Each structure stands twice: as structure tokens, then as C-alpha cells.
Amino acid sequence: MDFEFHYHITGIIAKRAGFSESDSTTIAYASQFVDDNNKIIIVKDKKTKEQYSNYVSQTKYILQPKKTLMRIYLVFHFVPGNPIIGAEGKMVKLIY
């Protein structure tokens, strides 16, 4: 969604905060991965036959969000406002 900020700026901030180059890269990747994690991937263990599937943390179409992802939008994409004074003079609500 915002690769320049989520990856590059986060990596720069981590490096300037004193993290190693390797750790800064890991932090930057983790920040960007939230945006890139938009489809289910199933990983199967050949020995145990168990499988794991990731939980999708992003959808590319904000105007057509999936009902199961609504909790993500509220936490990651909308800064909570004060219901009395509002956020920047307005109270933003996302109702599904």
C-alpha cells in the first residue's frame, strides 16, 4: 500500500534507533508484510501432513472489505478519536 513509508522509512527509523542492519531489515519487512499479506497461503508439512494457513491482514479494495477483515481496518487504519471532541474536529466511524 505505501511501500516507501512502511518499508524504507521504518527501516531507516529502526537503524537510527540503534538496531543492527539485519534487525532493521527484519523490522522493515515485518511492517511492509502487513500490506503484502492479502491472500491465503497454505503450507503443508510433508512429514506430519499438518497444514498451516495464514490469516490475511490486508485487502487491496478498501471500499469492498471482507466482513472477516473488518477488525483489521479498525485497528490498523483508523486512529481512534475522542467521541466528545473528535479526531481533527470530526469523529470518524467505520460501520459495516
PDB file of N, CA and C in Angstrom:
ATOM      1  N   MET A   1       0.825  -1.169   0.000  1.00  0.00           N
ATOM      2  CA  MET A   1       0.000   0.000   0.000  1.00  0.00           C
ATOM      3  C   MET A   1       0.881   1.250   0.000  1.00  0.00           C
ATOM      4  N   ASP A   2       1.805   1.348   0.923  1.00  0.00           N
ATOM      5  CA  ASP A   2       2.689   2.508   0.998  1.00  0.00           C
ATOM      6  C   ASP A   2       4.105   1.995   1.256  1.00  0.00           C
ATOM      7  N   PHE A   3       4.691   1.378   0.237  1.00  0.00           N
ATOM      8  CA  PHE A   3       5.988   0.721   0.360  1.00  0.00           C
ATOM      9  C   PHE A   3       7.081   1.674   0.827  1.00  0.00           C
ATOM     10  N   GLU A   4       7.061   2.887   0.309  1.00  0.00           N
ATOM     11  CA  GLU A   4       8.110   3.837   0.667  1.00  0.00           C
ATOM     12  C   GLU A   4       8.146   4.088   2.171  1.00  0.00           C
ATOM     13  N   PHE A   5       6.965   4.247   2.770  1.00  0.00           N
ATOM     14  CA  PHE A   5       6.928   4.503   4.204  1.00  0.00           C
ATOM     15  C   PHE A   5       7.054   3.219   5.007  1.00  0.00           C
ATOM     16  N   HIS A   6       6.198   2.263   4.727  1.00  0.00           N
ATOM     17  CA  HIS A   6       6.158   1.065   5.560  1.00  0.00           C
ATOM     18  C   HIS A   6       7.461   0.278   5.536  1.00  0.00           C
ATOM     19  N   TYR A   7       8.148   0.261   4.422  1.00  0.00           N
ATOM     20  CA  TYR A   7       9.418  -0.484   4.371  1.00  0.00           C
ATOM     21  C   TYR A   7      10.608   0.451   4.599  1.00  0.00           C
ATOM     22  N   HIS A   8      10.799   1.392   3.718  1.00  0.00           N
ATOM     23  CA  HIS A   8      12.024   2.201   3.752  1.00  0.00           C
ATOM     24  C   HIS A   8      12.116   3.108   4.980  1.00  0.00           C
ATOM     25  N   ILE A   9      11.093   3.875   5.243  1.00  0.00           N
ATOM     26  CA  ILE A   9      11.156   4.806   6.380  1.00  0.00           C
ATOM     27  C   ILE A   9      11.228   4.035   7.701  1.00  0.00           C
ATOM     28  N   THR A  10      10.453   2.957   7.817  1.00  0.00           N
ATOM     29  CA  THR A  10      10.517   2.145   9.041  1.00  0.00           C
ATOM     30  C   THR A  10      11.910   1.571   9.229  1.00  0.00           C
ATOM     31  N   GLY A  11      12.539   1.117   8.139  1.00  0.00           N
ATOM     32  CA  GLY A  11      13.904   0.596   8.214  1.00  0.00           C
ATOM     33  C   GLY A  11      14.904   1.666   8.641  1.00  0.00           C
ATOM     34  N   ILE A  12      14.755   2.860   8.110  1.00  0.00           N
ATOM     35  CA  ILE A  12      15.645   3.975   8.477  1.00  0.00           C
ATOM     36  C   ILE A  12      15.468   4.335   9.950  1.00  0.00           C
ATOM     37  N   ILE A  13      14.218   4.408  10.397  1.00  0.00           N
ATOM     38  CA  ILE A  13      13.949   4.733  11.803  1.00  0.00           C
ATOM     39  C   ILE A  13      14.543   3.671  12.721  1.00  0.00           C
ATOM     40  N   ALA A  14      14.381   2.401  12.360  1.00  0.00           N
ATOM     41  CA  ALA A  14      14.932   1.308  13.182  1.00  0.00           C
ATOM     42  C   ALA A  14      16.453   1.405  13.253  1.00  0.00           C
ATOM     43  N   LYS A  15      17.092   1.681  12.126  1.00  0.00           N
ATOM     44  CA  LYS A  15      18.552   1.805  12.090  1.00  0.00           C
ATOM     45  C   LYS A  15      19.017   2.980  12.961  1.00  0.00           C
ATOM     46  N   ARG A  16      18.338   4.106  12.835  1.00  0.00           N
ATOM     47  CA  ARG A  16      18.711   5.284  13.625  1.00  0.00           C
ATOM     48  C   ARG A  16      18.421   5.099  15.109  1.00  0.00           C
ATOM     49  N   ALA A  17      17.498   4.189  15.419  1.00  0.00           N
ATOM     50  CA  ALA A  17      17.172   3.904  16.824  1.00  0.00           C
ATOM     51  C   ALA A  17      18.195   2.968  17.451  1.00  0.00           C
ATOM     52  N   GLY A  18      19.137   2.484  16.626  1.00  0.00           N
ATOM     53  CA  GLY A  18      20.210   1.670  17.176  1.00  0.00           C
ATOM     54  C   GLY A  18      20.137   0.183  16.856  1.00  0.00           C
ATOM     55  N   PHE A  19      19.151  -0.234  16.080  1.00  0.00           N
ATOM     56  CA  PHE A  19      19.074  -1.642  15.699  1.00  0.00           C
ATOM     57  C   PHE A  19      20.148  -1.952  14.658  1.00  0.00           C
ATOM     58  N   SER A  20      20.575  -3.197  14.614  1.00  0.00           N
ATOM     59  CA  SER A  20      21.577  -3.613  13.628  1.00  0.00           C
ATOM     60  C   SER A  20      20.959  -3.547  12.230  1.00  0.00           C
ATOM     61  N   GLU A  21      21.793  -3.617  11.216  1.00  0.00           N
ATOM     62  CA  GLU A  21      21.313  -3.608   9.831  1.00  0.00           C
ATOM     63  C   GLU A  21      20.342  -4.773   9.590  1.00  0.00           C
ATOM     64  N   SER A  22      20.718  -5.942  10.087  1.00  0.00           N
ATOM     65  CA  SER A  22      19.876  -7.130   9.926  1.00  0.00           C
ATOM     66  C   SER A  22      18.530  -6.970  10.637  1.00  0.00           C
ATOM     67  N   ASP A  23      18.562  -6.513  11.886  1.00  0.00           N
ATOM     68  CA  ASP A  23      17.321  -6.322  12.638  1.00  0.00           C
ATOM     69  C   ASP A  23      16.465  -5.215  12.025  1.00  0.00           C
ATOM     70  N   SER A  24      17.103  -4.166  11.521  1.00  0.00           N
ATOM     71  CA  SER A  24      16.361  -3.078  10.874  1.00  0.00           C
ATOM     72  C   SER A  24      15.638  -3.580   9.629  1.00  0.00           C
ATOM     73  N   THR A  25      16.298  -4.438   8.871  1.00  0.00           N
ATOM     74  CA  THR A  25      15.680  -5.027   7.687  1.00  0.00           C
ATOM     75  C   THR A  25      14.497  -5.910   8.078  1.00  0.00           C
ATOM     76  N   THR A  26      14.653  -6.679   9.141  1.00  0.00           N
ATOM     77  CA  THR A  26      13.565  -7.538   9.621  1.00  0.00           C
ATOM     78  C   THR A  26      12.370  -6.695  10.060  1.00  0.00           C
ATOM     79  N   ILE A  27      12.629  -5.630  10.780  1.00  0.00           N
ATOM     80  CA  ILE A  27      11.555  -4.734  11.241  1.00  0.00           C
ATOM     81  C   ILE A  27      10.856  -4.095  10.040  1.00  0.00           C
ATOM     82  N   ALA A  28      11.626  -3.628   9.063  1.00  0.00           N
ATOM     83  CA  ALA A  28      11.052  -3.011   7.862  1.00  0.00           C
ATOM     84  C   ALA A  28      10.200  -4.018   7.093  1.00  0.00           C
ATOM     85  N   TYR A  29      10.706  -5.238   6.955  1.00  0.00           N
ATOM     86  CA  TYR A  29       9.953  -6.284   6.243  1.00  0.00           C
ATOM     87  C   TYR A  29       8.646  -6.594   6.967  1.00  0.00           C
ATOM     88  N   ALA A  30       8.707  -6.702   8.286  1.00  0.00           N
ATOM     89  CA  ALA A  30       7.501  -7.003   9.068  1.00  0.00           C
ATOM     90  C   ALA A  30       6.461  -5.896   8.906  1.00  0.00           C
ATOM     91  N   SER A  31       6.909  -4.661   8.851  1.00  0.00           N
ATOM     92  CA  SER A  31       5.989  -3.541   8.663  1.00  0.00           C
ATOM     93  C   SER A  31       5.322  -3.608   7.290  1.00  0.00           C
ATOM     94  N   GLN A  32       6.097  -3.888   6.265  1.00  0.00           N
ATOM     95  CA  GLN A  32       5.562  -3.963   4.904  1.00  0.00           C
ATOM     96  C   GLN A  32       4.713  -5.212   4.700  1.00  0.00           C
ATOM     97  N   PHE A  33       5.041  -6.294   5.377  1.00  0.00           N
ATOM     98  CA  PHE A  33       4.337  -7.559   5.174  1.00  0.00           C
ATOM     99  C   PHE A  33       2.848  -7.443   5.490  1.00  0.00           C
ATOM    100  N   VAL A  34       2.483  -6.585   6.431  1.00  0.00           N
ATOM    101  CA  VAL A  34       1.064  -6.390   6.753  1.00  0.00           C
ATOM    102  C   VAL A  34       0.302  -5.985   5.489  1.00  0.00           C
ATOM    103  N   ASP A  35       0.888  -5.120   4.667  1.00  0.00           N
ATOM    104  CA  ASP A  35       0.243  -4.703   3.416  1.00  0.00           C
ATOM    105  C   ASP A  35       0.303  -5.787   2.345  1.00  0.00           C
ATOM    106  N   ASP A  36       1.369  -6.548   2.317  1.00  0.00           N
ATOM    107  CA  ASP A  36       1.543  -7.565   1.289  1.00  0.00           C
ATOM    108  C   ASP A  36       0.765  -8.847   1.575  1.00  0.00           C
ATOM    109  N   ASN A  37       0.302  -9.009   2.794  1.00  0.00           N
ATOM    110  CA  ASN A  37      -0.371 -10.240   3.220  1.00  0.00           C
ATOM    111  C   ASN A  37      -1.852 -10.183   2.841  1.00  0.00           C
ATOM    112  N   ASN A  38      -2.136 -10.302   1.536  1.00  0.00           N
ATOM    113  CA  ASN A  38      -3.502 -10.124   1.069  1.00  0.00           C
ATOM    114  C   ASN A  38      -4.129 -11.373   0.452  1.00  0.00           C
ATOM    115  N   LYS A  39      -3.475 -12.503   0.565  1.00  0.00           N
ATOM    116  CA  LYS A  39      -4.070 -13.745   0.086  1.00  0.00           C
ATOM    117  C   LYS A  39      -3.655 -14.901   0.990  1.00  0.00           C
ATOM    118  N   ILE A  40      -4.512 -15.899   1.035  1.00  0.00           N
ATOM    119  CA  ILE A  40      -4.252 -17.050   1.893  1.00  0.00           C
ATOM    120  C   ILE A  40      -3.207 -17.950   1.237  1.00  0.00           C
ATOM    121  N   ILE A  41      -2.224 -18.322   2.026  1.00  0.00           N
ATOM    122  CA  ILE A  41      -1.185 -19.240   1.579  1.00  0.00           C
ATOM    123  C   ILE A  41      -1.229 -20.450   2.503  1.00  0.00           C
ATOM    124  N   ILE A  42      -1.306 -21.639   1.918  1.00  0.00           N
ATOM    125  CA  ILE A  42      -1.365 -22.857   2.712  1.00  0.00           C
ATOM    126  C   ILE A  42      -0.011 -23.558   2.631  1.00  0.00           C
ATOM    127  N   VAL A  43       0.554 -23.860   3.795  1.00  0.00           N
ATOM    128  CA  VAL A  43       1.837 -24.550   3.890  1.00  0.00           C
ATOM    129  C   VAL A  43       1.573 -25.909   4.511  1.00  0.00           C
ATOM    130  N   LYS A  44       2.017 -26.973   3.829  1.00  0.00           N
ATOM    131  CA  LYS A  44       1.792 -28.337   4.314  1.00  0.00           C
ATOM    132  C   LYS A  44       3.104 -28.954   4.773  1.00  0.00           C
ATOM    133  N   ASP A  45       3.079 -29.612   5.916  1.00  0.00           N
ATOM    134  CA  ASP A  45       4.233 -30.337   6.438  1.00  0.00           C
ATOM    135  C   ASP A  45       4.215 -31.727   5.799  1.00  0.00           C
ATOM    136  N   LYS A  46       5.237 -32.056   5.026  1.00  0.00           N
ATOM    137  CA  LYS A  46       5.269 -33.338   4.315  1.00  0.00           C
ATOM    138  C   LYS A  46       5.301 -34.538   5.249  1.00  0.00           C
ATOM    139  N   LYS A  47       5.929 -34.374   6.399  1.00  0.00           N
ATOM    140  CA  LYS A  47       6.040 -35.490   7.338  1.00  0.00           C
ATOM    141  C   LYS A  47       4.764 -35.727   8.118  1.00  0.00           C
ATOM    142  N   THR A  48       4.218 -34.662   8.711  1.00  0.00           N
ATOM    143  CA  THR A  48       3.056 -34.825   9.587  1.00  0.00           C
ATOM    144  C   THR A  48       1.729 -34.643   8.855  1.00  0.00           C
ATOM    145  N   LYS A  49       1.785 -34.149   7.624  1.00  0.00           N
ATOM    146  CA  LYS A  49       0.593 -33.854   6.823  1.00  0.00           C
ATOM    147  C   LYS A  49      -0.251 -32.719   7.403  1.00  0.00           C
ATOM    148  N   GLU A  50       0.256 -32.060   8.455  1.00  0.00           N
ATOM    149  CA  GLU A  50      -0.459 -30.910   9.004  1.00  0.00           C
ATOM    150  C   GLU A  50      -0.307 -29.740   8.040  1.00  0.00           C
ATOM    151  N   GLN A  51      -1.259 -28.840   8.104  1.00  0.00           N
ATOM    152  CA  GLN A  51      -1.150 -27.661   7.265  1.00  0.00           C
ATOM    153  C   GLN A  51      -1.445 -26.403   8.065  1.00  0.00           C
ATOM    154  N   TYR A  52      -0.830 -25.353   7.616  1.00  0.00           N
ATOM    155  CA  TYR A  52      -0.988 -24.043   8.235  1.00  0.00           C
ATOM    156  C   TYR A  52      -1.449 -23.089   7.149  1.00  0.00           C
ATOM    157  N   SER A  53      -2.369 -22.220   7.490  1.00  0.00           N
ATOM    158  CA  SER A  53      -2.723 -21.146   6.561  1.00  0.00           C
ATOM    159  C   SER A  53      -2.669 -19.832   7.326  1.00  0.00           C
ATOM    160  N   ASN A  54      -2.148 -18.833   6.661  1.00  0.00           N
ATOM    161  CA  ASN A  54      -2.005 -17.523   7.285  1.00  0.00           C
ATOM    162  C   ASN A  54      -3.361 -16.840   7.425  1.00  0.00           C
ATOM    163  N   TYR A  55      -3.423 -15.866   8.295  1.00  0.00           N
ATOM    164  CA  TYR A  55      -4.611 -15.021   8.412  1.00  0.00           C
ATOM    165  C   TYR A  55      -4.343 -13.767   7.598  1.00  0.00           C
ATOM    166  N   VAL A  56      -5.157 -13.502   6.621  1.00  0.00           N
ATOM    167  CA  VAL A  56      -4.979 -12.342   5.759  1.00  0.00           C
ATOM    168  C   VAL A  56      -5.125 -11.064   6.590  1.00  0.00           C
ATOM    169  N   SER A  57      -4.190 -10.145   6.424  1.00  0.00           N
ATOM    170  CA  SER A  57      -4.210  -8.900   7.203  1.00  0.00           C
ATOM    171  C   SER A  57      -4.453  -7.665   6.345  1.00  0.00           C
ATOM    172  N   GLN A  58      -4.770  -7.860   5.072  1.00  0.00           N
ATOM    173  CA  GLN A  58      -4.992  -6.717   4.194  1.00  0.00           C
ATOM    174  C   GLN A  58      -5.855  -7.133   3.020  1.00  0.00           C
ATOM    175  N   THR A  59      -6.616  -6.224   2.519  1.00  0.00           N
ATOM    176  CA  THR A  59      -7.332  -6.403   1.271  1.00  0.00           C
ATOM    177  C   THR A  59      -7.006  -5.194   0.404  1.00  0.00           C
ATOM    178  N   LYS A  60      -6.895  -5.401  -0.864  1.00  0.00           N
ATOM    179  CA  LYS A  60      -6.495  -4.309  -1.763  1.00  0.00           C
ATOM    180  C   LYS A  60      -7.634  -3.336  -2.041  1.00  0.00           C
ATOM    181  N   TYR A  61      -8.863  -3.722  -1.718  1.00  0.00           N
ATOM    182  CA  TYR A  61     -10.014  -2.898  -2.054  1.00  0.00           C
ATOM    183  C   TYR A  61     -10.719  -2.422  -0.790  1.00  0.00           C
ATOM    184  N   ILE A  62     -10.317  -1.285  -0.270  1.00  0.00           N
ATOM    185  CA  ILE A  62     -10.848  -0.743   0.979  1.00  0.00           C
ATOM    186  C   ILE A  62     -12.346  -0.468   0.887  1.00  0.00           C
ATOM    187  N   LEU A  63     -12.858  -0.180  -0.306  1.00  0.00           N
ATOM    188  CA  LEU A  63     -14.278   0.095  -0.452  1.00  0.00           C
ATOM    189  C   LEU A  63     -15.120  -1.179  -0.496  1.00  0.00           C
ATOM    190  N   GLN A  64     -14.466  -2.318  -0.640  1.00  0.00           N
ATOM    191  CA  GLN A  64     -15.166  -3.597  -0.637  1.00  0.00           C
ATOM    192  C   GLN A  64     -14.482  -4.556   0.337  1.00  0.00           C
ATOM    193  N   PRO A  65     -14.434  -4.179   1.611  1.00  0.00           N
ATOM    194  CA  PRO A  65     -13.732  -5.033   2.577  1.00  0.00           C
ATOM    195  C   PRO A  65     -14.491  -6.322   2.858  1.00  0.00           C
ATOM    196  N   LYS A  66     -13.744  -7.342   3.185  1.00  0.00           N
ATOM    197  CA  LYS A  66     -14.341  -8.612   3.556  1.00  0.00           C
ATOM    198  C   LYS A  66     -14.803  -8.515   5.008  1.00  0.00           C
ATOM    199  N   LYS A  67     -15.957  -9.069   5.278  1.00  0.00           N
ATOM    200  CA  LYS A  67     -16.527  -8.955   6.621  1.00  0.00           C
ATOM    201  C   LYS A  67     -15.562  -9.483   7.680  1.00  0.00           C
ATOM    202  N   THR A  68     -14.849 -10.559   7.392  1.00  0.00           N
ATOM    203  CA  THR A  68     -13.929 -11.144   8.373  1.00  0.00           C
ATOM    204  C   THR A  68     -12.715 -10.270   8.637  1.00  0.00           C
ATOM    205  N   LEU A  69     -12.478  -9.278   7.786  1.00  0.00           N
ATOM    206  CA  LEU A  69     -11.310  -8.415   7.952  1.00  0.00           C
ATOM    207  C   LEU A  69     -11.635  -7.082   8.603  1.00  0.00           C
ATOM    208  N   MET A  70     -12.882  -6.841   8.953  1.00  0.00           N
ATOM    209  CA  MET A  70     -13.254  -5.543   9.495  1.00  0.00           C
ATOM    210  C   MET A  70     -12.490  -5.189  10.764  1.00  0.00           C
ATOM    211  N   ARG A  71     -12.142  -6.186  11.577  1.00  0.00           N
ATOM    212  CA  ARG A  71     -11.397  -5.879  12.801  1.00  0.00           C
ATOM    213  C   ARG A  71     -10.005  -5.328  12.482  1.00  0.00           C
ATOM    214  N   ILE A  72      -9.462  -5.679  11.342  1.00  0.00           N
ATOM    215  CA  ILE A  72      -8.150  -5.182  10.926  1.00  0.00           C
ATOM    216  C   ILE A  72      -8.226  -3.695  10.576  1.00  0.00           C
ATOM    217  N   TYR A  73      -9.235  -3.305   9.821  1.00  0.00           N
ATOM    218  CA  TYR A  73      -9.353  -1.903   9.429  1.00  0.00           C
ATOM    219  C   TYR A  73      -9.467  -0.994  10.639  1.00  0.00           C
ATOM    220  N   LEU A  74     -10.236  -1.421  11.608  1.00  0.00           N
ATOM    221  CA  LEU A  74     -10.421  -0.587  12.787  1.00  0.00           C
ATOM    222  C   LEU A  74      -9.130  -0.405  13.559  1.00  0.00           C
ATOM    223  N   VAL A  75      -8.340  -1.448  13.677  1.00  0.00           N
ATOM    224  CA  VAL A  75      -7.111  -1.378  14.469  1.00  0.00           C
ATOM    225  C   VAL A  75      -5.979  -0.689  13.712  1.00  0.00           C
ATOM    226  N   PHE A  76      -5.764  -1.034  12.462  1.00  0.00           N
ATOM    227  CA  PHE A  76      -4.591  -0.569  11.734  1.00  0.00           C
ATOM    228  C   PHE A  76      -4.809   0.666  10.870  1.00  0.00           C
ATOM    229  N   HIS A  77      -6.040   0.983  10.504  1.00  0.00           N
ATOM    230  CA  HIS A  77      -6.240   2.020   9.522  1.00  0.00           C
ATOM    231  C   HIS A  77      -7.016   3.243  10.003  1.00  0.00           C
ATOM    232  N   PHE A  78      -7.521   3.194  11.201  1.00  0.00           N
ATOM    233  CA  PHE A  78      -8.270   4.339  11.702  1.00  0.00           C
ATOM    234  C   PHE A  78      -7.771   4.670  13.099  1.00  0.00           C
ATOM    235  N   VAL A  79      -7.310   5.895  13.257  1.00  0.00           N
ATOM    236  CA  VAL A  79      -6.845   6.336  14.563  1.00  0.00           C
ATOM    237  C   VAL A  79      -8.085   6.640  15.396  1.00  0.00           C
ATOM    238  N   PRO A  80      -8.194   6.029  16.584  1.00  0.00           N
ATOM    239  CA  PRO A  80      -9.376   6.299  17.411  1.00  0.00           C
ATOM    240  C   PRO A  80      -9.456   7.782  17.768  1.00  0.00           C
ATOM    241  N   GLY A  81     -10.643   8.311  17.714  1.00  0.00           N
ATOM    242  CA  GLY A  81     -10.852   9.705  18.071  1.00  0.00           C
ATOM    243  C   GLY A  81     -11.538   9.800  19.425  1.00  0.00           C
ATOM    244  N   ASN A  82     -11.571  10.972  19.966  1.00  0.00           N
ATOM    245  CA  ASN A  82     -12.285  11.223  21.207  1.00  0.00           C
ATOM    246  C   ASN A  82     -13.733  11.504  20.835  1.00  0.00           C
ATOM    247  N   PRO A  83     -14.686  10.678  21.308  1.00  0.00           N
ATOM    248  CA  PRO A  83     -16.080  10.869  20.896  1.00  0.00           C
ATOM    249  C   PRO A  83     -16.647  12.229  21.296  1.00  0.00           C
ATOM    250  N   ILE A  84     -16.018  12.883  22.261  1.00  0.00           N
ATOM    251  CA  ILE A  84     -16.526  14.191  22.694  1.00  0.00           C
ATOM    252  C   ILE A  84     -15.991  15.303  21.796  1.00  0.00           C
ATOM    253  N   ILE A  85     -14.666  15.314  21.548  1.00  0.00           N
ATOM    254  CA  ILE A  85     -14.094  16.387  20.730  1.00  0.00           C
ATOM    255  C   ILE A  85     -13.784  15.936  19.307  1.00  0.00           C
ATOM    256  N   GLY A  86     -13.735  14.633  19.062  1.00  0.00           N
ATOM    257  CA  GLY A  86     -13.494  14.115  17.723  1.00  0.00           C
ATOM    258  C   GLY A  86     -12.039  14.157  17.330  1.00  0.00           C
ATOM    259  N   ALA A  87     -11.729  13.524  16.217  1.00  0.00           N
ATOM    260  CA  ALA A  87     -10.378  13.495  15.664  1.00  0.00           C
ATOM    261  C   ALA A  87     -10.296  14.598  14.621  1.00  0.00           C
ATOM    262  N   GLU A  88      -9.429  15.571  14.824  1.00  0.00           N
ATOM    263  CA  GLU A  88      -9.283  16.712  13.916  1.00  0.00           C
ATOM    264  C   GLU A  88     -10.641  17.389  13.705  1.00  0.00           C
ATOM    265  N   GLY A  89     -11.422  17.483  14.764  1.00  0.00           N
ATOM    266  CA  GLY A  89     -12.714  18.139  14.686  1.00  0.00           C
ATOM    267  C   GLY A  89     -13.837  17.247  14.181  1.00  0.00           C
ATOM    268  N   LYS A  90     -13.503  16.022  13.737  1.00  0.00           N
ATOM    269  CA  LYS A  90     -14.517  15.115  13.226  1.00  0.00           C
ATOM    270  C   LYS A  90     -14.342  13.744  13.872  1.00  0.00           C
ATOM    271  N   MET A  91     -15.416  13.074  14.097  1.00  0.00           N
ATOM    272  CA  MET A  91     -15.362  11.709  14.610  1.00  0.00           C
ATOM    273  C   MET A  91     -15.543  10.773  13.424  1.00  0.00           C
ATOM    274  N   VAL A  92     -14.538   9.945  13.155  1.00  0.00           N
ATOM    275  CA  VAL A  92     -14.590   9.035  12.020  1.00  0.00           C
ATOM    276  C   VAL A  92     -15.045   7.668  12.519  1.00  0.00           C
ATOM    277  N   LYS A  93     -16.109   7.178  11.920  1.00  0.00           N
ATOM    278  CA  LYS A  93     -16.614   5.861  12.284  1.00  0.00           C
ATOM    279  C   LYS A  93     -16.663   4.990  11.039  1.00  0.00           C
ATOM    280  N   LEU A  94     -16.295   3.736  11.194  1.00  0.00           N
ATOM    281  CA  LEU A  94     -16.399   2.764  10.116  1.00  0.00           C
ATOM    282  C   LEU A  94     -17.446   1.754  10.545  1.00  0.00           C
ATOM    283  N   ILE A  95     -18.545   1.750   9.853  1.00  0.00           N
ATOM    284  CA  ILE A  95     -19.642   0.844  10.203  1.00  0.00           C
ATOM    285  C   ILE A  95     -19.815  -0.140   9.062  1.00  0.00           C
ATOM    286  N   TYR A  96     -19.909  -1.394   9.423  1.00  0.00           N
ATOM    287  CA  TYR A  96     -20.091  -2.432   8.406  1.00  0.00           C
ATOM    288  C   TYR A  96     -21.421  -3.088   8.595  1.00  0.00           C
TER     289      TYR A  96
END
